[in-house]
C-alpha atoms as a PDB file:
ATOM      1  CA  MET A   1       0.294  -0.056  -0.045  1.00  0.00           C
ATOM      2  CA  LEU A   2       1.460   3.255  -1.165  1.00  0.00           C
ATOM      3  CA  ASP A   3      -1.151   5.590   1.223  1.00  0.00           C
ATOM      4  CA  ASN A   4      -4.850   5.303   2.256  1.00  0.00           C
ATOM      5  CA  LYS A   5      -6.303   6.334  -0.687  1.00  0.00           C
ATOM      6  CA  ILE A   6      -4.406   4.542  -3.385  1.00  0.00           C
ATOM      7  CA  ASN A   7      -2.493   1.216  -3.739  1.00  0.00           C
ATOM      8  CA  SER A   8      -0.070  -0.550  -6.051  1.00  0.00           C
ATOM      9  CA  GLN A   9      -2.347  -2.133  -8.128  1.00  0.00           C
ATOM     10  CA  ASP A  10      -4.593   0.606  -8.839  1.00  0.00           C
ATOM     11  CA  PHE A  11      -1.500   2.315 -10.551  1.00  0.00           C
ATOM     12  CA  ILE A  12      -0.553  -1.222 -12.638  1.00  0.00           C
ATOM     13  CA  ASN A  13      -4.459  -1.434 -13.578  1.00  0.00           C
ATOM     14  CA  PHE A  14      -4.518   1.814 -14.785  1.00  0.00           C
ATOM     15  CA  CYS A  15      -0.933   2.119 -16.501  1.00  0.00           C
ATOM     16  CA  ASN A  16      -1.970  -1.596 -18.445  1.00  0.00           C
ATOM     17  CA  GLU A  17      -5.475   0.022 -19.530  1.00  0.00           C
ATOM     18  CA  THR A  18      -3.752   3.176 -20.759  1.00  0.00           C
ATOM     19  CA  LEU A  19      -0.779   1.376 -22.522  1.00  0.00           C
ATOM     20  CA  ASP A  20      -3.001  -0.631 -24.227  1.00  0.00           C
ATOM     21  CA  ILE A  21      -4.374   2.111 -25.399  1.00  0.00           C
ATOM     22  CA  SER A  22      -1.332   4.280 -26.866  1.00  0.00           C
ATOM     23  CA  GLY A  23       0.086   0.886 -28.125  1.00  0.00           C
ATOM     24  CA  LYS A  24      -2.698   0.586 -30.437  1.00  0.00           C
ATOM     25  CA  ILE A  25      -2.142   4.324 -31.910  1.00  0.00           C
ATOM     26  CA  ALA A  26       2.071   3.687 -31.948  1.00  0.00           C
ATOM     27  CA  LEU A  27       1.152   0.502 -33.930  1.00  0.00           C
ATOM     28  CA  ALA A  28      -1.442   2.373 -36.411  1.00  0.00           C
ATOM     29  CA  HIS A  29       1.429   4.613 -37.692  1.00  0.00           C
ATOM     30  CA  PHE A  30       4.310   2.199 -37.029  1.00  0.00           C
ATOM     31  CA  ARG A  31       6.178   1.827 -40.892  1.00  0.00           C
ATOM     32  CA  ASP A  32       3.868   4.170 -41.745  1.00  0.00           C
ATOM     33  CA  ILE A  33       5.752   7.289 -40.969  1.00  0.00           C
ATOM     34  CA  ARG A  34       4.515  10.522 -42.737  1.00  0.00           C
ATOM     35  CA  ASP A  35       4.980  13.427 -40.480  1.00  0.00           C
ATOM     36  CA  LEU A  36       8.411  13.879 -39.143  1.00  0.00           C
ATOM     37  CA  THR A  37       9.935  16.988 -37.710  1.00  0.00           C
ATOM     38  CA  ILE A  38      13.366  17.903 -36.311  1.00  0.00           C
ATOM     39  CA  LYS A  39      13.559  19.508 -32.663  1.00  0.00           C
ATOM     40  CA  VAL A  40      15.789  22.205 -31.934  1.00  0.00           C
ATOM     41  CA  ASP A  41      17.821  19.629 -29.837  1.00  0.00           C
ATOM     42  CA  GLU A  42      18.097  17.602 -33.436  1.00  0.00           C
ATOM     43  CA  SER A  43      15.957  14.675 -32.294  1.00  0.00           C
ATOM     44  CA  PRO A  44      12.990  13.376 -34.375  1.00  0.00           C
ATOM     45  CA  VAL A  45       9.538  13.491 -33.682  1.00  0.00           C
ATOM     46  CA  THR A  46       6.492  12.007 -35.425  1.00  0.00           C
ATOM     47  CA  LEU A  47       2.874  12.619 -34.958  1.00  0.00           C
ATOM     48  CA  ALA A  48       2.596   9.117 -33.558  1.00  0.00           C
ATOM     49  CA  ASP A  49       5.142  10.987 -30.579  1.00  0.00           C
ATOM     50  CA  LYS A  50       2.243  13.459 -29.914  1.00  0.00           C
ATOM     51  CA  GLN A  51      -0.547  11.600 -30.454  1.00  0.00           C
ATOM     52  CA  ILE A  52       0.345   8.855 -27.853  1.00  0.00           C
ATOM     53  CA  GLU A  53       1.878  11.582 -25.220  1.00  0.00           C
ATOM     54  CA  GLN A  54      -1.460  13.429 -25.260  1.00  0.00           C
ATOM     55  CA  VAL A  55      -3.418   9.870 -24.384  1.00  0.00           C
ATOM     56  CA  ILE A  56      -1.744   9.274 -21.634  1.00  0.00           C
ATOM     57  CA  ARG A  57      -1.914  12.537 -20.346  1.00  0.00           C
ATOM     58  CA  ARG A  58      -5.811  12.874 -21.017  1.00  0.00           C
ATOM     59  CA  GLU A  59      -6.105   9.324 -18.858  1.00  0.00           C
ATOM     60  CA  ILE A  60      -3.794  10.760 -15.799  1.00  0.00           C
ATOM     61  CA  GLU A  61      -5.723  13.905 -16.223  1.00  0.00           C
ATOM     62  CA  LYS A  62      -8.755  11.462 -16.012  1.00  0.00           C
ATOM     63  CA  LYS A  63      -8.000   9.379 -13.433  1.00  0.00           C
ATOM     64  CA  TYR A  64      -5.634  11.346 -11.107  1.00  0.00           C
ATOM     65  CA  PRO A  65      -6.491  15.189 -11.868  1.00  0.00           C
ATOM     66  CA  LYS A  66      -4.711  16.654  -9.290  1.00  0.00           C
ATOM     67  CA  HIS A  67      -1.097  14.899 -10.169  1.00  0.00           C
ATOM     68  CA  ASN A  68       1.683  16.638 -12.029  1.00  0.00           C
ATOM     69  CA  ILE A  69       3.006  15.294 -15.210  1.00  0.00           C
ATOM     70  CA  VAL A  70       6.351  16.099 -17.347  1.00  0.00           C
ATOM     71  CA  GLY A  71       6.276  14.734 -20.855  1.00  0.00           C
ATOM     72  CA  GLU A  72       8.715  14.714 -23.806  1.00  0.00           C
ATOM     73  CA  GLU A  73       6.660  16.574 -26.051  1.00  0.00           C
ATOM     74  CA  PHE A  74       4.314  18.935 -24.200  1.00  0.00           C
ATOM     75  CA  GLU A  75       4.686  21.350 -21.285  1.00  0.00           C
ATOM     76  CA  VAL A  76       4.833  20.948 -17.879  1.00  0.00           C
ATOM     77  CA  LEU A  77       1.714  20.160 -15.716  1.00  0.00           C
ATOM     78  CA  ASN A  78       2.433  21.498 -12.185  1.00  0.00           C
ATOM     79  CA  ASN A  79      -0.524  20.959 -10.111  1.00  0.00           C
ATOM     80  CA  GLU A  80       1.730  21.146  -6.840  1.00  0.00           C
ATOM     81  CA  SER A  81       0.888  17.286  -6.003  1.00  0.00           C
ATOM     82  CA  GLU A  82       2.981  15.297  -4.350  1.00  0.00           C
ATOM     83  CA  TYR A  83       2.533  12.603  -7.186  1.00  0.00           C
ATOM     84  CA  THR A  84       4.565  13.447 -10.757  1.00  0.00           C
ATOM     85  CA  TRP A  85       4.253  11.071 -13.615  1.00  0.00           C
ATOM     86  CA  TYR A  86       6.910  11.143 -16.408  1.00  0.00           C
ATOM     87  CA  ILE A  87       6.167   9.937 -20.055  1.00  0.00           C
ATOM     88  CA  ASP A  88       8.076   9.342 -22.875  1.00  0.00           C
ATOM     89  CA  PRO A  89       5.950   8.579 -25.564  1.00  0.00           C
ATOM     90  CA  ILE A  90       7.863   7.020 -27.990  1.00  0.00           C
ATOM     91  CA  ASP A  91      11.696   5.889 -26.466  1.00  0.00           C
ATOM     92  CA  GLY A  92      13.686   5.133 -29.711  1.00  0.00           C
ATOM     93  CA  THR A  93      11.694   6.973 -31.979  1.00  0.00           C
ATOM     94  CA  ARG A  94      15.394   6.797 -34.726  1.00  0.00           C
ATOM     95  CA  SER A  95      13.932   3.148 -34.543  1.00  0.00           C
ATOM     96  CA  PHE A  96      10.576   3.681 -34.763  1.00  0.00           C
ATOM     97  CA  ILE A  97      11.197   5.760 -37.857  1.00  0.00           C
ATOM     98  CA  ALA A  98      13.167   3.307 -39.307  1.00  0.00           C
ATOM     99  CA  GLY A  99      10.694   0.286 -39.061  1.00  0.00           C
ATOM    100  CA  LYS A 100      12.671  -1.745 -35.876  1.00  0.00           C
ATOM    101  CA  ASN A 101       9.997  -2.835 -33.564  1.00  0.00           C
ATOM    102  CA  ASP A 102      12.425  -2.409 -30.070  1.00  0.00           C
ATOM    103  CA  PHE A 103      10.985   0.976 -29.667  1.00  0.00           C
ATOM    104  CA  GLY A 104       8.821   1.485 -26.226  1.00  0.00           C
ATOM    105  CA  THR A 105       6.674   3.925 -24.207  1.00  0.00           C
ATOM    106  CA  LEU A 106       7.836   4.875 -20.883  1.00  0.00           C
ATOM    107  CA  ILE A 107       5.743   5.789 -17.910  1.00  0.00           C
ATOM    108  CA  GLY A 108       7.297   6.484 -14.707  1.00  0.00           C
ATOM    109  CA  LEU A 109       5.641   8.012 -11.059  1.00  0.00           C
ATOM    110  CA  VAL A 110       7.608   9.596  -8.183  1.00  0.00           C
ATOM    111  CA  LYS A 111       6.089  10.778  -5.032  1.00  0.00           C
ATOM    112  CA  ASN A 112       7.803  13.095  -3.248  1.00  0.00           C
ATOM    113  CA  ASP A 113      11.245  12.013  -4.612  1.00  0.00           C
ATOM    114  CA  GLU A 114      10.879   8.701  -4.144  1.00  0.00           C
ATOM    115  CA  ILE A 115      10.109   6.427  -7.316  1.00  0.00           C
ATOM    116  CA  ILE A 116       7.539   4.428  -7.003  1.00  0.00           C
ATOM    117  CA  GLY A 117       6.539   2.908 -10.542  1.00  0.00           C
ATOM    118  CA  GLY A 118       7.761   2.686 -14.082  1.00  0.00           C
ATOM    119  CA  VAL A 119       6.659   0.498 -17.264  1.00  0.00           C
ATOM    120  CA  ILE A 120       8.331   0.084 -20.624  1.00  0.00           C
ATOM    121  CA  ASP A 121       5.626  -1.348 -23.100  1.00  0.00           C
ATOM    122  CA  CYS A 122       7.413  -2.190 -26.576  1.00  0.00           C
ATOM    123  CA  PRO A 123       3.532  -3.090 -28.302  1.00  0.00           C
ATOM    124  CA  ALA A 124       5.490  -3.827 -31.497  1.00  0.00           C
ATOM    125  CA  LEU A 125       7.362  -7.113 -29.918  1.00  0.00           C
ATOM    126  CA  LYS A 126       4.039  -7.032 -27.491  1.00  0.00           C
ATOM    127  CA  GLU A 127       6.207  -7.150 -24.075  1.00  0.00           C
ATOM    128  CA  ARG A 128       5.138  -5.104 -21.476  1.00  0.00           C
ATOM    129  CA  TRP A 129       7.860  -4.097 -17.975  1.00  0.00           C
ATOM    130  CA  VAL A 130       6.099  -3.494 -14.701  1.00  0.00           C
ATOM    131  CA  SER A 131       7.086  -2.488 -11.105  1.00  0.00           C
ATOM    132  CA  PHE A 132       5.286  -0.364  -8.894  1.00  0.00           C
ATOM    133  CA  GLU A 133       5.995  -2.945  -5.994  1.00  0.00           C
ATOM    134  CA  LYS A 134       8.915  -3.384  -3.500  1.00  0.00           C
ATOM    135  CA  ASN A 135      11.868  -5.674  -5.362  1.00  0.00           C
ATOM    136  CA  ILE A 136       9.304  -7.165  -7.776  1.00  0.00           C
ATOM    137  CA  THR A 137       9.670  -6.306 -11.577  1.00  0.00           C
ATOM    138  CA  MET A 138       6.910  -8.315 -14.081  1.00  0.00           C
ATOM    139  CA  VAL A 139       7.114  -8.553 -17.516  1.00  0.00           C
ATOM    140  CA  ASN A 140       3.571  -9.656 -19.285  1.00  0.00           C
ATOM    141  CA  GLY A 141       2.733 -10.405 -15.507  1.00  0.00           C
ATOM    142  CA  ASN A 142       5.414 -12.913 -14.801  1.00  0.00           C
ATOM    143  CA  ILE A 143       8.041 -11.663 -12.031  1.00  0.00           C
ATOM    144  CA  ILE A 144      11.535 -11.581 -13.425  1.00  0.00           C
ATOM    145  CA  GLN A 145      14.911 -11.048 -11.858  1.00  0.00           C
ATOM    146  CA  CYS A 146      18.771 -10.132 -12.968  1.00  0.00           C
ATOM    147  CA  ARG A 147      21.337 -12.816 -13.856  1.00  0.00           C
ATOM    148  CA  LYS A 148      23.314 -13.048 -11.017  1.00  0.00           C
ATOM    149  CA  ILE A 149      27.074 -12.048 -12.784  1.00  0.00           C
ATOM    150  CA  ASP A 150      29.479 -10.890 -10.766  1.00  0.00           C
ATOM    151  CA  LYS A 151      32.579 -10.895 -12.781  1.00  0.00           C
ATOM    152  CA  LEU A 152      32.735  -8.658 -15.695  1.00  0.00           C
ATOM    153  CA  GLU A 153      34.366 -11.177 -18.231  1.00  0.00           C
ATOM    154  CA  ASN A 154      31.598 -12.902 -18.354  1.00  0.00           C
ATOM    155  CA  SER A 155      28.691 -10.216 -18.816  1.00  0.00           C
ATOM    156  CA  VAL A 156      26.933  -9.160 -21.686  1.00  0.00           C
ATOM    157  CA  MET A 157      26.618  -5.343 -22.133  1.00  0.00           C
ATOM    158  CA  ALA A 158      24.436  -2.748 -24.291  1.00  0.00           C
ATOM    159  CA  THR A 159      24.707   0.744 -25.194  1.00  0.00           C
ATOM    160  CA  THR A 160      22.325   2.567 -27.554  1.00  0.00           C
ATOM    161  CA  SER A 161      25.203   4.438 -29.333  1.00  0.00           C
ATOM    162  CA  SER A 162      28.511   5.634 -27.731  1.00  0.00           C
ATOM    163  CA  HIS A 163      28.286   8.256 -30.474  1.00  0.00           C
ATOM    164  CA  GLN A 164      27.077  11.018 -27.746  1.00  0.00           C
ATOM    165  CA  PHE A 165      29.843  10.343 -25.498  1.00  0.00           C
ATOM    166  CA  GLY A 166      32.512  12.947 -25.469  1.00  0.00           C
ATOM    167  CA  MET A 167      36.288  12.124 -25.978  1.00  0.00           C
ATOM    168  CA  LYS A 168      36.705  12.117 -22.370  1.00  0.00           C
ATOM    169  CA  LYS A 169      33.340   9.516 -21.759  1.00  0.00           C
ATOM    170  CA  TRP A 170      34.443   7.670 -24.854  1.00  0.00           C
ATOM    171  CA  ARG A 171      37.508   6.734 -23.368  1.00  0.00           C
ATOM    172  CA  ALA A 172      35.518   5.468 -20.174  1.00  0.00           C
ATOM    173  CA  TYR A 173      33.146   3.782 -21.839  1.00  0.00           C
ATOM    174  CA  GLN A 174      36.071   1.782 -23.931  1.00  0.00           C
ATOM    175  CA  SER A 175      37.549   0.523 -20.857  1.00  0.00           C
ATOM    176  CA  LEU A 176      34.284  -0.633 -20.019  1.00  0.00           C
ATOM    177  CA  GLU A 177      33.441  -2.568 -23.507  1.00  0.00           C
ATOM    178  CA  GLU A 178      37.121  -4.114 -23.199  1.00  0.00           C
ATOM    179  CA  SER A 179      36.503  -5.856 -20.126  1.00  0.00           C
ATOM    180  CA  VAL A 180      33.104  -7.536 -20.614  1.00  0.00           C
ATOM    181  CA  LYS A 181      32.239 -10.728 -22.655  1.00  0.00           C
ATOM    182  CA  VAL A 182      29.769  -9.064 -25.292  1.00  0.00           C
ATOM    183  CA  THR A 183      28.639  -5.858 -26.413  1.00  0.00           C
ATOM    184  CA  THR A 184      25.480  -4.900 -28.537  1.00  0.00           C
ATOM    185  CA  THR A 185      24.139  -1.421 -29.692  1.00  0.00           C
ATOM    186  CA  GLY A 186      20.798  -0.027 -30.440  1.00  0.00           C
ATOM    187  CA  SER A 187      17.548  -0.842 -28.625  1.00  0.00           C
ATOM    188  CA  ASP A 188      16.981   2.034 -26.478  1.00  0.00           C
ATOM    189  CA  CYS A 189      14.877   1.033 -23.593  1.00  0.00           C
ATOM    190  CA  TYR A 190      14.329  -2.249 -24.751  1.00  0.00           C
ATOM    191  CA  ASN A 191      18.101  -3.192 -23.281  1.00  0.00           C
ATOM    192  CA  TYR A 192      16.532  -2.063 -19.341  1.00  0.00           C
ATOM    193  CA  GLY A 193      13.672  -5.227 -20.020  1.00  0.00           C
ATOM    194  CA  LEU A 194      16.178  -7.148 -20.805  1.00  0.00           C
ATOM    195  CA  LEU A 195      18.607  -6.715 -18.142  1.00  0.00           C
ATOM    196  CA  ALA A 196      15.712  -6.703 -15.628  1.00  0.00           C
ATOM    197  CA  SER A 197      14.459 -10.287 -17.310  1.00  0.00           C
ATOM    198  CA  GLY A 198      18.629 -11.512 -16.991  1.00  0.00           C
ATOM    199  CA  TYR A 199      19.183 -11.466 -20.766  1.00  0.00           C
ATOM    200  CA  LEU A 200      21.518  -8.457 -20.904  1.00  0.00           C
ATOM    201  CA  ASP A 201      23.997  -7.647 -17.550  1.00  0.00           C
ATOM    202  CA  ILE A 202      25.173  -4.027 -18.070  1.00  0.00           C
ATOM    203  CA  VAL A 203      23.400  -0.832 -19.803  1.00  0.00           C
ATOM    204  CA  ALA A 204      26.315   2.362 -19.908  1.00  0.00           C
ATOM    205  CA  GLU A 205      24.704   5.128 -22.098  1.00  0.00           C
ATOM    206  CA  LYS A 206      24.289   8.883 -21.970  1.00  0.00           C
ATOM    207  CA  LEU A 207      20.534   9.724 -21.217  1.00  0.00           C
ATOM    208  CA  THR A 208      19.309  13.325 -22.310  1.00  0.00           C
ATOM    209  CA  ALA A 209      15.906  13.847 -19.747  1.00  0.00           C
ATOM    210  CA  PRO A 210      14.530  12.839 -16.967  1.00  0.00           C
ATOM    211  CA  HIS A 211      11.532  11.135 -18.678  1.00  0.00           C
ATOM    212  CA  ASP A 212      14.062   8.900 -20.580  1.00  0.00           C
ATOM    213  CA  TYR A 213      15.588   7.448 -17.566  1.00  0.00           C
ATOM    214  CA  LEU A 214      13.158   7.570 -14.187  1.00  0.00           C
ATOM    215  CA  PRO A 215      10.874   4.756 -15.444  1.00  0.00           C
ATOM    216  CA  LEU A 216      13.737   2.645 -16.142  1.00  0.00           C
ATOM    217  CA  ILE A 217      15.324   2.598 -12.634  1.00  0.00           C
ATOM    218  CA  LYS A 218      12.244   1.263 -10.967  1.00  0.00           C
ATOM    219  CA  ILE A 219      12.213  -1.845 -13.627  1.00  0.00           C
ATOM    220  CA  VAL A 220      16.070  -2.329 -12.831  1.00  0.00           C
ATOM    221  CA  GLU A 221      16.022  -1.961  -9.078  1.00  0.00           C
ATOM    222  CA  GLY A 222      12.339  -4.411  -9.015  1.00  0.00           C
ATOM    223  CA  SER A 223      14.478  -6.715 -10.938  1.00  0.00           C
ATOM    224  CA  GLY A 224      17.383  -6.678  -8.518  1.00  0.00           C
ATOM    225  CA  GLY A 225      19.666  -4.610 -10.163  1.00  0.00           C
ATOM    226  CA  VAL A 226      21.195  -1.455  -9.736  1.00  0.00           C
ATOM    227  CA  MET A 227      21.212   1.937 -11.516  1.00  0.00           C
ATOM    228  CA  THR A 228      23.082   5.242 -10.788  1.00  0.00           C
ATOM    229  CA  ASP A 229      25.305   7.612 -12.827  1.00  0.00           C
ATOM    230  CA  TRP A 230      29.134   6.778 -13.892  1.00  0.00           C
ATOM    231  CA  ASP A 231      30.362   7.983 -10.879  1.00  0.00           C
ATOM    232  CA  GLY A 232      27.702   5.748  -8.718  1.00  0.00           C
ATOM    233  CA  ASN A 233      25.273   8.752  -7.636  1.00  0.00           C
ATOM    234  CA  ARG A 234      21.949   8.277  -7.657  1.00  0.00           C
ATOM    235  CA  LEU A 235      20.059   9.708 -10.840  1.00  0.00           C
ATOM    236  CA  PRO A 236      18.574  13.248 -10.476  1.00  0.00           C
ATOM    237  CA  LEU A 237      14.357  13.922 -11.121  1.00  0.00           C
ATOM    238  CA  ASP A 238      15.157  16.679 -13.189  1.00  0.00           C
ATOM    239  CA  ASP A 239      18.837  16.617 -14.959  1.00  0.00           C
ATOM    240  CA  LYS A 240      19.337  16.390 -18.515  1.00  0.00           C
ATOM    241  CA  ASP A 241      22.396  15.005 -20.240  1.00  0.00           C
ATOM    242  CA  VAL A 242      22.880  12.152 -17.465  1.00  0.00           C
ATOM    243  CA  TYR A 243      25.712   9.043 -18.106  1.00  0.00           C
ATOM    244  CA  VAL A 244      23.755   5.891 -16.656  1.00  0.00           C
ATOM    245  CA  LEU A 245      24.760   2.754 -15.875  1.00  0.00           C
ATOM    246  CA  ALA A 246      22.966  -0.066 -14.922  1.00  0.00           C
ATOM    247  CA  SER A 247      24.166  -3.192 -14.022  1.00  0.00           C
ATOM    248  CA  ALA A 248      22.592  -6.758 -12.814  1.00  0.00           C
ATOM    249  CA  SER A 249      23.956  -6.908  -9.182  1.00  0.00           C
ATOM    250  CA  LYS A 250      25.798  -4.958  -6.785  1.00  0.00           C
ATOM    251  CA  GLU A 251      29.182  -6.518  -7.142  1.00  0.00           C
ATOM    252  CA  LEU A 252      29.122  -6.511 -11.235  1.00  0.00           C
ATOM    253  CA  HIS A 253      28.331  -2.575 -10.762  1.00  0.00           C
ATOM    254  CA  GLU A 254      31.283  -2.078  -8.856  1.00  0.00           C
ATOM    255  CA  LEU A 255      33.214  -3.804 -10.710  1.00  0.00           C
ATOM    256  CA  ALA A 256      32.047  -1.773 -14.258  1.00  0.00           C
ATOM    257  CA  LEU A 257      31.994   1.832 -12.107  1.00  0.00           C
ATOM    258  CA  ASN A 258      36.165   1.007 -11.437  1.00  0.00           C
ATOM    259  CA  LYS A 259      36.103   0.773 -15.227  1.00  0.00           C
ATOM    260  CA  LEU A 260      34.532   3.886 -16.095  1.00  0.00           C
ATOM    261  CA  ASN A 261      36.764   5.790 -13.818  1.00  0.00           C
ATOM    262  CA  ASN A 262      39.668   4.059 -14.417  1.00  0.00           C
ATOM    263  CA  LYS A 263      40.103   2.731 -11.108  1.00  0.00           C
END
């Protein structure tokens, strides 16, 4: 129970019902892109991004009219509530535009400064990760756990793209990449679902805004993993251009941090 009025199952039911709606919009536009613009930060945005966020905002405002909303495409709705929803309507827009099916919709929920829920929905793959309970992450209703890996040389790592790193960060990343068994690129939010499910062991990358990373934290931590910045600090609620490290265990996380910081 999160408080006397709202419990975790209420949030889970709400997210599932809302994402069933938004997923249909995503699939209606998938591999049928006609409207594409480039934002000021040079990232692409489609009509689908905007329609999905509008629908999720509409559903939140209907169900939880006093809650705050922070989304990628529209202005912040600040009702001075202790609850704030974070929305990334299509995480992996480049993949979506290219017809790749590993894009996802992210929803996160923060109460004051505590992350209490996160969802990764990949409608084209029919996979949905949900975590609103302590130490529990589910995919399609089944409880999952990270793999217990304690050596870098046995681990599988992913990054969406290392091209966004500056030279200093790129060198740090290269030190880590050279230490793991296998590295894969691409896939954006899907990597964090795969880590939570026990297929990946490390994700290291740069994410640009809170709606990109806050929903992922609960998914990773609920399945037994760890997620911080590259210095081992807790990820902020309101920062941009954050270097993120997610690992399947505390032991593996410490080893990865040491590599990133040349220890």
